[in-house]
Amino acid sequence: MGLVPRLRPRELERGLRLLGEVDDDTFLRLVGLLEGLEDKDVMDLVDALSRLSPTTVRRATKLMSGVVRTVVR
């Protein structure tokens, strides 16, 4: 909560709106996935993502979405 004042109102609004759009089942699956990962691995991923440019994140997201769809088949 201490970070909220550091966000621009538009950033906070969008973040909360997007979080609110995640359906309950999806959220619960994600929490379940996190349970199977080491904390350090999750934190390393979050740190690495936070250092990417928006353009690079868009490319990586599209790539990973394709990988996940392929693996699920």
PDB file of N, CA and C in Angstrom:
ATOM      1  N   MET A   1       0.818  -1.198   0.000  1.00  0.00           N
ATOM      2  CA  MET A   1       0.000   0.000   0.000  1.00  0.00           C
ATOM      3  C   MET A   1       0.858   1.256   0.000  1.00  0.00           C
ATOM      4  N   GLY A   2       2.060   1.143   0.527  1.00  0.00           N
ATOM      5  CA  GLY A   2       2.936   2.311   0.578  1.00  0.00           C
ATOM      6  C   GLY A   2       3.360   2.792  -0.800  1.00  0.00           C
ATOM      7  N   LEU A   3       3.224   1.943  -1.814  1.00  0.00           N
ATOM      8  CA  LEU A   3       3.612   2.331  -3.175  1.00  0.00           C
ATOM      9  C   LEU A   3       2.509   3.086  -3.914  1.00  0.00           C
ATOM     10  N   VAL A   4       1.281   2.981  -3.436  1.00  0.00           N
ATOM     11  CA  VAL A   4       0.152   3.602  -4.122  1.00  0.00           C
ATOM     12  C   VAL A   4       0.382   5.093  -4.382  1.00  0.00           C
ATOM     13  N   PRO A   5       0.860   5.878  -3.409  1.00  0.00           N
ATOM     14  CA  PRO A   5       1.074   7.305  -3.677  1.00  0.00           C
ATOM     15  C   PRO A   5       2.113   7.572  -4.776  1.00  0.00           C
ATOM     16  N   ARG A   6       2.960   6.598  -5.060  1.00  0.00           N
ATOM     17  CA  ARG A   6       3.996   6.790  -6.075  1.00  0.00           C
ATOM     18  C   ARG A   6       3.476   6.539  -7.488  1.00  0.00           C
ATOM     19  N   LEU A   7       2.266   5.986  -7.594  1.00  0.00           N
ATOM     20  CA  LEU A   7       1.681   5.709  -8.900  1.00  0.00           C
ATOM     21  C   LEU A   7       0.866   6.898  -9.388  1.00  0.00           C
ATOM     22  N   ARG A   8       0.893   7.093 -10.701  1.00  0.00           N
ATOM     23  CA  ARG A   8      -0.003   8.095 -11.273  1.00  0.00           C
ATOM     24  C   ARG A   8      -1.413   7.518 -11.195  1.00  0.00           C
ATOM     25  N   PRO A   9      -2.415   8.367 -11.006  1.00  0.00           N
ATOM     26  CA  PRO A   9      -3.788   7.862 -10.888  1.00  0.00           C
ATOM     27  C   PRO A   9      -4.187   6.936 -12.044  1.00  0.00           C
ATOM     28  N   ARG A  10      -3.765   7.275 -13.264  1.00  0.00           N
ATOM     29  CA  ARG A  10      -4.116   6.455 -14.416  1.00  0.00           C
ATOM     30  C   ARG A  10      -3.474   5.065 -14.339  1.00  0.00           C
ATOM     31  N   GLU A  11      -2.233   4.987 -13.830  1.00  0.00           N
ATOM     32  CA  GLU A  11      -1.552   3.693 -13.672  1.00  0.00           C
ATOM     33  C   GLU A  11      -2.265   2.823 -12.648  1.00  0.00           C
ATOM     34  N   LEU A  12      -2.608   3.424 -11.519  1.00  0.00           N
ATOM     35  CA  LEU A  12      -3.301   2.689 -10.471  1.00  0.00           C
ATOM     36  C   LEU A  12      -4.663   2.209 -10.957  1.00  0.00           C
ATOM     37  N   GLU A  13      -5.397   3.089 -11.615  1.00  0.00           N
ATOM     38  CA  GLU A  13      -6.721   2.726 -12.119  1.00  0.00           C
ATOM     39  C   GLU A  13      -6.633   1.557 -13.105  1.00  0.00           C
ATOM     40  N   ARG A  14      -5.695   1.620 -14.026  1.00  0.00           N
ATOM     41  CA  ARG A  14      -5.560   0.545 -15.016  1.00  0.00           C
ATOM     42  C   ARG A  14      -5.151  -0.762 -14.342  1.00  0.00           C
ATOM     43  N   GLY A  15      -4.196  -0.704 -13.422  1.00  0.00           N
ATOM     44  CA  GLY A  15      -3.753  -1.902 -12.731  1.00  0.00           C
ATOM     45  C   GLY A  15      -4.888  -2.580 -11.979  1.00  0.00           C
ATOM     46  N   LEU A  16      -5.669  -1.796 -11.266  1.00  0.00           N
ATOM     47  CA  LEU A  16      -6.797  -2.351 -10.517  1.00  0.00           C
ATOM     48  C   LEU A  16      -7.887  -2.864 -11.451  1.00  0.00           C
ATOM     49  N   ARG A  17      -8.120  -2.142 -12.554  1.00  0.00           N
ATOM     50  CA  ARG A  17      -9.127  -2.593 -13.520  1.00  0.00           C
ATOM     51  C   ARG A  17      -8.731  -3.934 -14.125  1.00  0.00           C
ATOM     52  N   LEU A  18      -7.456  -4.052 -14.543  1.00  0.00           N
ATOM     53  CA  LEU A  18      -6.995  -5.312 -15.133  1.00  0.00           C
ATOM     54  C   LEU A  18      -7.050  -6.450 -14.131  1.00  0.00           C
ATOM     55  N   LEU A  19      -6.642  -6.184 -12.911  1.00  0.00           N
ATOM     56  CA  LEU A  19      -6.708  -7.206 -11.867  1.00  0.00           C
ATOM     57  C   LEU A  19      -8.154  -7.642 -11.644  1.00  0.00           C
ATOM     58  N   GLY A  20      -9.073  -6.681 -11.692  1.00  0.00           N
ATOM     59  CA  GLY A  20     -10.482  -6.992 -11.521  1.00  0.00           C
ATOM     60  C   GLY A  20     -11.065  -7.809 -12.664  1.00  0.00           C
ATOM     61  N   GLU A  21     -10.434  -7.772 -13.834  1.00  0.00           N
ATOM     62  CA  GLU A  21     -10.920  -8.528 -14.984  1.00  0.00           C
ATOM     63  C   GLU A  21     -10.463  -9.988 -14.971  1.00  0.00           C
ATOM     64  N   VAL A  22      -9.514 -10.313 -14.110  1.00  0.00           N
ATOM     65  CA  VAL A  22      -9.059 -11.700 -14.015  1.00  0.00           C
ATOM     66  C   VAL A  22     -10.136 -12.492 -13.293  1.00  0.00           C
ATOM     67  N   ASP A  23     -10.671 -13.524 -13.978  1.00  0.00           N
ATOM     68  CA  ASP A  23     -11.741 -14.283 -13.327  1.00  0.00           C
ATOM     69  C   ASP A  23     -11.170 -15.137 -12.192  1.00  0.00           C
ATOM     70  N   ASP A  24     -12.044 -15.526 -11.297  1.00  0.00           N
ATOM     71  CA  ASP A  24     -11.638 -16.236 -10.079  1.00  0.00           C
ATOM     72  C   ASP A  24     -10.880 -17.528 -10.377  1.00  0.00           C
ATOM     73  N   ASP A  25     -11.364 -18.303 -11.341  1.00  0.00           N
ATOM     74  CA  ASP A  25     -10.702 -19.572 -11.663  1.00  0.00           C
ATOM     75  C   ASP A  25      -9.279 -19.351 -12.177  1.00  0.00           C
ATOM     76  N   THR A  26      -9.102 -18.330 -13.013  1.00  0.00           N
ATOM     77  CA  THR A  26      -7.765 -18.021 -13.537  1.00  0.00           C
ATOM     78  C   THR A  26      -6.840 -17.612 -12.405  1.00  0.00           C
ATOM     79  N   PHE A  27      -7.325 -16.758 -11.522  1.00  0.00           N
ATOM     80  CA  PHE A  27      -6.513 -16.320 -10.385  1.00  0.00           C
ATOM     81  C   PHE A  27      -6.099 -17.507  -9.521  1.00  0.00           C
ATOM     82  N   LEU A  28      -7.051 -18.384  -9.248  1.00  0.00           N
ATOM     83  CA  LEU A  28      -6.756 -19.546  -8.409  1.00  0.00           C
ATOM     84  C   LEU A  28      -5.756 -20.487  -9.089  1.00  0.00           C
ATOM     85  N   ARG A  29      -5.852 -20.652 -10.413  1.00  0.00           N
ATOM     86  CA  ARG A  29      -4.866 -21.476 -11.138  1.00  0.00           C
ATOM     87  C   ARG A  29      -3.478 -20.857 -11.046  1.00  0.00           C
ATOM     88  N   LEU A  30      -3.409 -19.529 -11.187  1.00  0.00           N
ATOM     89  CA  LEU A  30      -2.104 -18.855 -11.101  1.00  0.00           C
ATOM     90  C   LEU A  30      -1.493 -19.017  -9.710  1.00  0.00           C
ATOM     91  N   VAL A  31      -2.308 -18.874  -8.688  1.00  0.00           N
ATOM     92  CA  VAL A  31      -1.816 -19.062  -7.318  1.00  0.00           C
ATOM     93  C   VAL A  31      -1.316 -20.495  -7.153  1.00  0.00           C
ATOM     94  N   GLY A  32      -2.050 -21.449  -7.715  1.00  0.00           N
ATOM     95  CA  GLY A  32      -1.624 -22.846  -7.656  1.00  0.00           C
ATOM     96  C   GLY A  32      -0.294 -23.068  -8.368  1.00  0.00           C
ATOM     97  N   LEU A  33      -0.109 -22.408  -9.508  1.00  0.00           N
ATOM     98  CA  LEU A  33       1.160 -22.526 -10.227  1.00  0.00           C
ATOM     99  C   LEU A  33       2.309 -21.953  -9.399  1.00  0.00           C
ATOM    100  N   LEU A  34       2.065 -20.823  -8.766  1.00  0.00           N
ATOM    101  CA  LEU A  34       3.102 -20.207  -7.940  1.00  0.00           C
ATOM    102  C   LEU A  34       3.498 -21.118  -6.787  1.00  0.00           C
ATOM    103  N   GLU A  35       2.545 -21.879  -6.288  1.00  0.00           N
ATOM    104  CA  GLU A  35       2.823 -22.795  -5.181  1.00  0.00           C
ATOM    105  C   GLU A  35       3.909 -23.806  -5.555  1.00  0.00           C
ATOM    106  N   GLY A  36       3.965 -24.167  -6.838  1.00  0.00           N
ATOM    107  CA  GLY A  36       4.931 -25.158  -7.293  1.00  0.00           C
ATOM    108  C   GLY A  36       6.290 -24.587  -7.660  1.00  0.00           C
ATOM    109  N   LEU A  37       6.464 -23.284  -7.512  1.00  0.00           N
ATOM    110  CA  LEU A  37       7.730 -22.642  -7.870  1.00  0.00           C
ATOM    111  C   LEU A  37       8.445 -22.126  -6.626  1.00  0.00           C
ATOM    112  N   GLU A  38       9.751 -22.120  -6.708  1.00  0.00           N
ATOM    113  CA  GLU A  38      10.542 -21.531  -5.627  1.00  0.00           C
ATOM    114  C   GLU A  38      10.344 -20.016  -5.614  1.00  0.00           C
ATOM    115  N   ASP A  39      10.300 -19.417  -4.436  1.00  0.00           N
ATOM    116  CA  ASP A  39      10.144 -17.967  -4.319  1.00  0.00           C
ATOM    117  C   ASP A  39      11.195 -17.232  -5.136  1.00  0.00           C
ATOM    118  N   LYS A  40      12.435 -17.688  -5.066  1.00  0.00           N
ATOM    119  CA  LYS A  40      13.519 -17.011  -5.779  1.00  0.00           C
ATOM    120  C   LYS A  40      13.263 -17.002  -7.281  1.00  0.00           C
ATOM    121  N   ASP A  41      12.749 -18.106  -7.832  1.00  0.00           N
ATOM    122  CA  ASP A  41      12.467 -18.169  -9.260  1.00  0.00           C
ATOM    123  C   ASP A  41      11.390 -17.167  -9.664  1.00  0.00           C
ATOM    124  N   VAL A  42      10.350 -17.068  -8.852  1.00  0.00           N
ATOM    125  CA  VAL A  42       9.272 -16.113  -9.137  1.00  0.00           C
ATOM    126  C   VAL A  42       9.814 -14.684  -9.065  1.00  0.00           C
ATOM    127  N   MET A  43      10.577 -14.399  -8.015  1.00  0.00           N
ATOM    128  CA  MET A  43      11.101 -13.047  -7.847  1.00  0.00           C
ATOM    129  C   MET A  43      12.103 -12.688  -8.942  1.00  0.00           C
ATOM    130  N   ASP A  44      12.908 -13.650  -9.377  1.00  0.00           N
ATOM    131  CA  ASP A  44      13.838 -13.407 -10.482  1.00  0.00           C
ATOM    132  C   ASP A  44      13.086 -13.058 -11.763  1.00  0.00           C
ATOM    133  N   LEU A  45      11.991 -13.775 -12.022  1.00  0.00           N
ATOM    134  CA  LEU A  45      11.176 -13.502 -13.208  1.00  0.00           C
ATOM    135  C   LEU A  45      10.547 -12.117 -13.134  1.00  0.00           C
ATOM    136  N   VAL A  46       9.969 -11.781 -11.988  1.00  0.00           N
ATOM    137  CA  VAL A  46       9.353 -10.462 -11.810  1.00  0.00           C
ATOM    138  C   VAL A  46      10.396  -9.366 -11.995  1.00  0.00           C
ATOM    139  N   ASP A  47      11.567  -9.548 -11.419  1.00  0.00           N
ATOM    140  CA  ASP A  47      12.637  -8.551 -11.552  1.00  0.00           C
ATOM    141  C   ASP A  47      13.059  -8.401 -13.010  1.00  0.00           C
ATOM    142  N   ALA A  48      13.231  -9.520 -13.708  1.00  0.00           N
ATOM    143  CA  ALA A  48      13.652  -9.468 -15.111  1.00  0.00           C
ATOM    144  C   ALA A  48      12.598  -8.772 -15.973  1.00  0.00           C
ATOM    145  N   LEU A  49      11.320  -9.108 -15.765  1.00  0.00           N
ATOM    146  CA  LEU A  49      10.251  -8.471 -16.539  1.00  0.00           C
ATOM    147  C   LEU A  49      10.197  -6.965 -16.289  1.00  0.00           C
ATOM    148  N   SER A  50      10.428  -6.567 -15.054  1.00  0.00           N
ATOM    149  CA  SER A  50      10.328  -5.144 -14.713  1.00  0.00           C
ATOM    150  C   SER A  50      11.414  -4.305 -15.392  1.00  0.00           C
ATOM    151  N   ARG A  51      12.457  -4.946 -15.874  1.00  0.00           N
ATOM    152  CA  ARG A  51      13.563  -4.223 -16.497  1.00  0.00           C
ATOM    153  C   ARG A  51      13.425  -4.111 -18.017  1.00  0.00           C
ATOM    154  N   LEU A  52      12.417  -4.764 -18.596  1.00  0.00           N
ATOM    155  CA  LEU A  52      12.237  -4.747 -20.040  1.00  0.00           C
ATOM    156  C   LEU A  52      11.469  -3.504 -20.487  1.00  0.00           C
ATOM    157  N   SER A  53      11.689  -3.125 -21.720  1.00  0.00           N
ATOM    158  CA  SER A  53      10.922  -2.021 -22.289  1.00  0.00           C
ATOM    159  C   SER A  53       9.526  -2.519 -22.644  1.00  0.00           C
ATOM    160  N   PRO A  54       8.549  -1.617 -22.761  1.00  0.00           N
ATOM    161  CA  PRO A  54       7.203  -2.043 -23.155  1.00  0.00           C
ATOM    162  C   PRO A  54       7.187  -2.793 -24.492  1.00  0.00           C
ATOM    163  N   THR A  55       7.984  -2.368 -25.445  1.00  0.00           N
ATOM    164  CA  THR A  55       8.039  -3.041 -26.742  1.00  0.00           C
ATOM    165  C   THR A  55       8.542  -4.474 -26.591  1.00  0.00           C
ATOM    166  N   THR A  56       9.581  -4.653 -25.804  1.00  0.00           N
ATOM    167  CA  THR A  56      10.140  -5.986 -25.587  1.00  0.00           C
ATOM    168  C   THR A  56       9.147  -6.869 -24.834  1.00  0.00           C
ATOM    169  N   VAL A  57       8.442  -6.299 -23.870  1.00  0.00           N
ATOM    170  CA  VAL A  57       7.447  -7.074 -23.115  1.00  0.00           C
ATOM    171  C   VAL A  57       6.321  -7.518 -24.046  1.00  0.00           C
ATOM    172  N   ARG A  58       5.881  -6.637 -24.965  1.00  0.00           N
ATOM    173  CA  ARG A  58       4.836  -7.027 -25.916  1.00  0.00           C
ATOM    174  C   ARG A  58       5.298  -8.205 -26.758  1.00  0.00           C
ATOM    175  N   ARG A  59       6.534  -8.147 -27.262  1.00  0.00           N
ATOM    176  CA  ARG A  59       7.070  -9.247 -28.074  1.00  0.00           C
ATOM    177  C   ARG A  59       7.184 -10.521 -27.248  1.00  0.00           C
ATOM    178  N   ALA A  60       7.702 -10.404 -26.038  1.00  0.00           N
ATOM    179  CA  ALA A  60       7.868 -11.580 -25.176  1.00  0.00           C
ATOM    180  C   ALA A  60       6.518 -12.188 -24.814  1.00  0.00           C
ATOM    181  N   THR A  61       5.532 -11.352 -24.556  1.00  0.00           N
ATOM    182  CA  THR A  61       4.196 -11.839 -24.203  1.00  0.00           C
ATOM    183  C   THR A  61       3.585 -12.625 -25.357  1.00  0.00           C
ATOM    184  N   LYS A  62       3.694 -12.097 -26.568  1.00  0.00           N
ATOM    185  CA  LYS A  62       3.168 -12.806 -27.739  1.00  0.00           C
ATOM    186  C   LYS A  62       3.893 -14.134 -27.933  1.00  0.00           C
ATOM    187  N   LEU A  63       5.202 -14.120 -27.770  1.00  0.00           N
ATOM    188  CA  LEU A  63       5.989 -15.335 -27.925  1.00  0.00           C
ATOM    189  C   LEU A  63       5.581 -16.373 -26.879  1.00  0.00           C
ATOM    190  N   MET A  64       5.491 -15.952 -25.623  1.00  0.00           N
ATOM    191  CA  MET A  64       5.139 -16.886 -24.552  1.00  0.00           C
ATOM    192  C   MET A  64       3.713 -17.409 -24.694  1.00  0.00           C
ATOM    193  N   SER A  65       2.796 -16.573 -25.172  1.00  0.00           N
ATOM    194  CA  SER A  65       1.428 -17.035 -25.392  1.00  0.00           C
ATOM    195  C   SER A  65       1.409 -18.156 -26.418  1.00  0.00           C
ATOM    196  N   GLY A  66       2.197 -17.997 -27.469  1.00  0.00           N
ATOM    197  CA  GLY A  66       2.297 -19.034 -28.488  1.00  0.00           C
ATOM    198  C   GLY A  66       2.916 -20.309 -27.940  1.00  0.00           C
ATOM    199  N   VAL A  67       3.944 -20.167 -27.125  1.00  0.00           N
ATOM    200  CA  VAL A  67       4.603 -21.334 -26.521  1.00  0.00           C
ATOM    201  C   VAL A  67       3.611 -22.076 -25.621  1.00  0.00           C
ATOM    202  N   VAL A  68       2.880 -21.336 -24.789  1.00  0.00           N
ATOM    203  CA  VAL A  68       1.933 -21.967 -23.867  1.00  0.00           C
ATOM    204  C   VAL A  68       0.832 -22.676 -24.655  1.00  0.00           C
ATOM    205  N   ARG A  69       0.300 -22.040 -25.696  1.00  0.00           N
ATOM    206  CA  ARG A  69      -0.733 -22.697 -26.501  1.00  0.00           C
ATOM    207  C   ARG A  69      -0.206 -23.988 -27.116  1.00  0.00           C
ATOM    208  N   THR A  70       1.047 -23.981 -27.576  1.00  0.00           N
ATOM    209  CA  THR A  70       1.638 -25.168 -28.185  1.00  0.00           C
ATOM    210  C   THR A  70       1.846 -26.280 -27.160  1.00  0.00           C
ATOM    211  N   VAL A  71       2.321 -25.922 -25.985  1.00  0.00           N
ATOM    212  CA  VAL A  71       2.593 -26.913 -24.942  1.00  0.00           C
ATOM    213  C   VAL A  71       1.298 -27.534 -24.426  1.00  0.00           C
ATOM    214  N   VAL A  72       0.229 -26.759 -24.353  1.00  0.00           N
ATOM    215  CA  VAL A  72      -1.037 -27.246 -23.834  1.00  0.00           C
ATOM    216  C   VAL A  72      -1.660 -28.284 -24.765  1.00  0.00           C
ATOM    217  N   ARG A  73      -1.384 -28.175 -26.045  1.00  0.00           N
ATOM    218  CA  ARG A  73      -1.973 -29.126 -27.019  1.00  0.00           C
ATOM    219  C   ARG A  73      -1.527 -30.470 -26.743  1.00  0.00           C
TER     220      ARG A  73
END
